[in-house]
Amino acid sequence: MNDLHAWLSEQHHGLRTFRTFQQKLETLGRDDPEQRGLCRLLSSLVGSYVEAFDEAPLPVEVADGAYQRLMTLVASIDLNADADRRLADINRVAESRLWQ
C-alpha cells in the first residue's frame, strides 16, 4: 500500500484520481492474490463514491474530505502485518465511508 499511498499523495482530489486508483487496485489484486480481498473492498468503497458523484456537481469540501479519508485509510493499512492486524484492516475498510 505504500506505493499506492505515495501515488495518491501526488494526485488531485477529483473523480479521475479515484477511477485510476480503482484500476491500480485491480492490478495489485491480480498481481498479489493475497491482497485480492482487501483490494476489492477498497475498490468497492471508491466505486460507490465515484458512482454517487459521476456526472453530478462535486462540492470541493466533499472532494477534499473524501480524498483525505482515503489517504488516511490507505496509510493505515499494513500489507505485511500478522493475520489479526490484516483482519482489523479489512474490517476497518469494510465499515469506512468516504463521504457523509
C-alpha atoms as a PDB file:
ATOM      1  CA  MET A   1       0.000   0.000   0.000  1.00  0.00           C
ATOM      2  CA  ASN A   2       2.978   2.310   0.389  1.00  0.00           C
ATOM      3  CA  ASP A   3       3.255   2.642  -3.397  1.00  0.00           C
ATOM      4  CA  LEU A   4      -0.460   3.387  -3.694  1.00  0.00           C
ATOM      5  CA  HIS A   5      -0.283   5.907  -0.876  1.00  0.00           C
ATOM      6  CA  ALA A   6       2.731   7.622  -2.469  1.00  0.00           C
ATOM      7  CA  TRP A   7       0.947   7.784  -5.819  1.00  0.00           C
ATOM      8  CA  LEU A   8      -2.277   9.009  -4.226  1.00  0.00           C
ATOM      9  CA  SER A   9      -0.471  11.733  -2.295  1.00  0.00           C
ATOM     10  CA  GLU A  10       0.647  13.294  -5.583  1.00  0.00           C
ATOM     11  CA  GLN A  11      -2.811  13.352  -7.168  1.00  0.00           C
ATOM     12  CA  HIS A  12      -5.650  15.841  -7.382  1.00  0.00           C
ATOM     13  CA  HIS A  13      -8.786  15.061  -5.371  1.00  0.00           C
ATOM     14  CA  GLY A  14     -11.037  14.743  -8.458  1.00  0.00           C
ATOM     15  CA  LEU A  15     -13.024  11.729  -9.598  1.00  0.00           C
ATOM     16  CA  ARG A  16     -10.417  10.806 -12.216  1.00  0.00           C
ATOM     17  CA  THR A  17      -7.949  10.091  -9.387  1.00  0.00           C
ATOM     18  CA  PHE A  18     -10.452   7.771  -7.731  1.00  0.00           C
ATOM     19  CA  ARG A  19     -11.113   5.927 -11.001  1.00  0.00           C
ATOM     20  CA  THR A  20      -7.392   5.496 -11.631  1.00  0.00           C
ATOM     21  CA  PHE A  21      -6.957   4.335  -8.039  1.00  0.00           C
ATOM     22  CA  GLN A  22      -9.535   1.609  -8.726  1.00  0.00           C
ATOM     23  CA  GLN A  23      -7.503   0.470 -11.730  1.00  0.00           C
ATOM     24  CA  LYS A  24      -4.358   0.360  -9.612  1.00  0.00           C
ATOM     25  CA  LEU A  25      -6.200  -1.728  -7.008  1.00  0.00           C
ATOM     26  CA  GLU A  26      -7.322  -4.145  -9.725  1.00  0.00           C
ATOM     27  CA  THR A  27      -3.718  -4.552 -10.853  1.00  0.00           C
ATOM     28  CA  LEU A  28      -2.471  -5.057  -7.300  1.00  0.00           C
ATOM     29  CA  GLY A  29      -5.158  -7.656  -6.605  1.00  0.00           C
ATOM     30  CA  ARG A  30      -4.278  -9.510  -9.778  1.00  0.00           C
ATOM     31  CA  ASP A  31      -0.523  -9.356  -9.168  1.00  0.00           C
ATOM     32  CA  ASP A  32      -0.712 -10.143  -5.436  1.00  0.00           C
ATOM     33  CA  PRO A  33      -3.554 -12.630  -4.845  1.00  0.00           C
ATOM     34  CA  GLU A  34      -3.068 -12.457  -1.060  1.00  0.00           C
ATOM     35  CA  GLN A  35      -4.316  -8.866  -1.221  1.00  0.00           C
ATOM     36  CA  ARG A  36      -7.234  -9.501  -3.574  1.00  0.00           C
ATOM     37  CA  GLY A  37      -9.963  -9.267  -0.908  1.00  0.00           C
ATOM     38  CA  LEU A  38      -8.647  -6.035   0.540  1.00  0.00           C
ATOM     39  CA  CYS A  39      -8.231  -4.562  -2.943  1.00  0.00           C
ATOM     40  CA  ARG A  40     -11.813  -5.436  -3.827  1.00  0.00           C
ATOM     41  CA  LEU A  41     -13.135  -3.846  -0.655  1.00  0.00           C
ATOM     42  CA  LEU A  42     -11.170  -0.671  -1.293  1.00  0.00           C
ATOM     43  CA  SER A  43     -12.284  -0.650  -4.919  1.00  0.00           C
ATOM     44  CA  SER A  44     -15.907  -1.039  -3.863  1.00  0.00           C
ATOM     45  CA  LEU A  45     -15.556   1.818  -1.385  1.00  0.00           C
ATOM     46  CA  VAL A  46     -14.033   4.075  -4.039  1.00  0.00           C
ATOM     47  CA  GLY A  47     -16.526   2.878  -6.649  1.00  0.00           C
ATOM     48  CA  SER A  48     -19.541   3.858  -4.540  1.00  0.00           C
ATOM     49  CA  TYR A  49     -18.085   7.341  -4.177  1.00  0.00           C
ATOM     50  CA  VAL A  50     -17.447   7.661  -7.916  1.00  0.00           C
ATOM     51  CA  GLU A  51     -20.956   6.428  -8.736  1.00  0.00           C
ATOM     52  CA  ALA A  52     -22.558   8.850  -6.304  1.00  0.00           C
ATOM     53  CA  PHE A  53     -20.940  11.874  -7.925  1.00  0.00           C
ATOM     54  CA  ASP A  54     -20.408  10.773 -11.515  1.00  0.00           C
ATOM     55  CA  GLU A  55     -21.915  13.416 -13.800  1.00  0.00           C
ATOM     56  CA  ALA A  56     -23.065  15.431 -10.787  1.00  0.00           C
ATOM     57  CA  PRO A  57     -21.549  18.543  -9.254  1.00  0.00           C
ATOM     58  CA  LEU A  58     -18.914  17.584  -6.713  1.00  0.00           C
ATOM     59  CA  PRO A  59     -18.564  20.196  -3.964  1.00  0.00           C
ATOM     60  CA  VAL A  60     -14.931  20.999  -3.164  1.00  0.00           C
ATOM     61  CA  GLU A  61     -15.471  20.283   0.543  1.00  0.00           C
ATOM     62  CA  VAL A  62     -16.799  16.805  -0.235  1.00  0.00           C
ATOM     63  CA  ALA A  63     -13.956  16.062  -2.642  1.00  0.00           C
ATOM     64  CA  ASP A  64     -11.323  17.261  -0.171  1.00  0.00           C
ATOM     65  CA  GLY A  65     -12.858  15.281   2.676  1.00  0.00           C
ATOM     66  CA  ALA A  66     -13.153  12.067   0.651  1.00  0.00           C
ATOM     67  CA  TYR A  67      -9.597  12.395  -0.596  1.00  0.00           C
ATOM     68  CA  GLN A  68      -8.237  12.943   2.917  1.00  0.00           C
ATOM     69  CA  ARG A  69     -10.233   9.999   4.326  1.00  0.00           C
ATOM     70  CA  LEU A  70      -8.923   7.752   1.554  1.00  0.00           C
ATOM     71  CA  MET A  71      -5.356   8.928   2.160  1.00  0.00           C
ATOM     72  CA  THR A  72      -5.686   8.223   5.890  1.00  0.00           C
ATOM     73  CA  LEU A  73      -7.260   4.828   5.282  1.00  0.00           C
ATOM     74  CA  VAL A  74      -4.617   3.710   2.777  1.00  0.00           C
ATOM     75  CA  ALA A  75      -1.818   4.935   5.068  1.00  0.00           C
ATOM     76  CA  SER A  76      -3.212   2.843   7.923  1.00  0.00           C
ATOM     77  CA  ILE A  77      -3.117  -0.464   6.028  1.00  0.00           C
ATOM     78  CA  ASP A  78      -0.165  -2.771   6.636  1.00  0.00           C
ATOM     79  CA  LEU A  79       0.064  -5.476   3.961  1.00  0.00           C
ATOM     80  CA  ASN A  80       2.871  -7.225   5.836  1.00  0.00           C
ATOM     81  CA  ALA A  81       1.147  -7.416   9.216  1.00  0.00           C
ATOM     82  CA  ASP A  82       0.102 -10.555  11.033  1.00  0.00           C
ATOM     83  CA  ALA A  83      -3.308 -12.110  10.430  1.00  0.00           C
ATOM     84  CA  ASP A  84      -5.025 -10.260  13.294  1.00  0.00           C
ATOM     85  CA  ARG A  85      -3.874  -6.866  12.058  1.00  0.00           C
ATOM     86  CA  ARG A  86      -4.782  -7.686   8.459  1.00  0.00           C
ATOM     87  CA  LEU A  87      -8.270  -8.728   9.558  1.00  0.00           C
ATOM     88  CA  ALA A  88      -8.599  -5.478  11.511  1.00  0.00           C
ATOM     89  CA  ASP A  89      -7.529  -3.548   8.388  1.00  0.00           C
ATOM     90  CA  ILE A  90     -10.092  -5.389   6.271  1.00  0.00           C
ATOM     91  CA  ASN A  91     -12.842  -4.723   8.805  1.00  0.00           C
ATOM     92  CA  ARG A  92     -11.896  -1.032   9.004  1.00  0.00           C
ATOM     93  CA  VAL A  93     -12.088  -0.723   5.215  1.00  0.00           C
ATOM     94  CA  ALA A  94     -15.420  -2.577   5.162  1.00  0.00           C
ATOM     95  CA  GLU A  95     -17.004  -0.108   7.573  1.00  0.00           C
ATOM     96  CA  SER A  96     -15.441   3.032   6.052  1.00  0.00           C
ATOM     97  CA  ARG A  97     -17.206   5.767   4.167  1.00  0.00           C
ATOM     98  CA  LEU A  98     -15.502   8.367   2.033  1.00  0.00           C
ATOM     99  CA  TRP A  99     -18.253  10.934   2.301  1.00  0.00           C
ATOM    100  CA  GLN A 100     -21.204  11.624   4.560  1.00  0.00           C
END
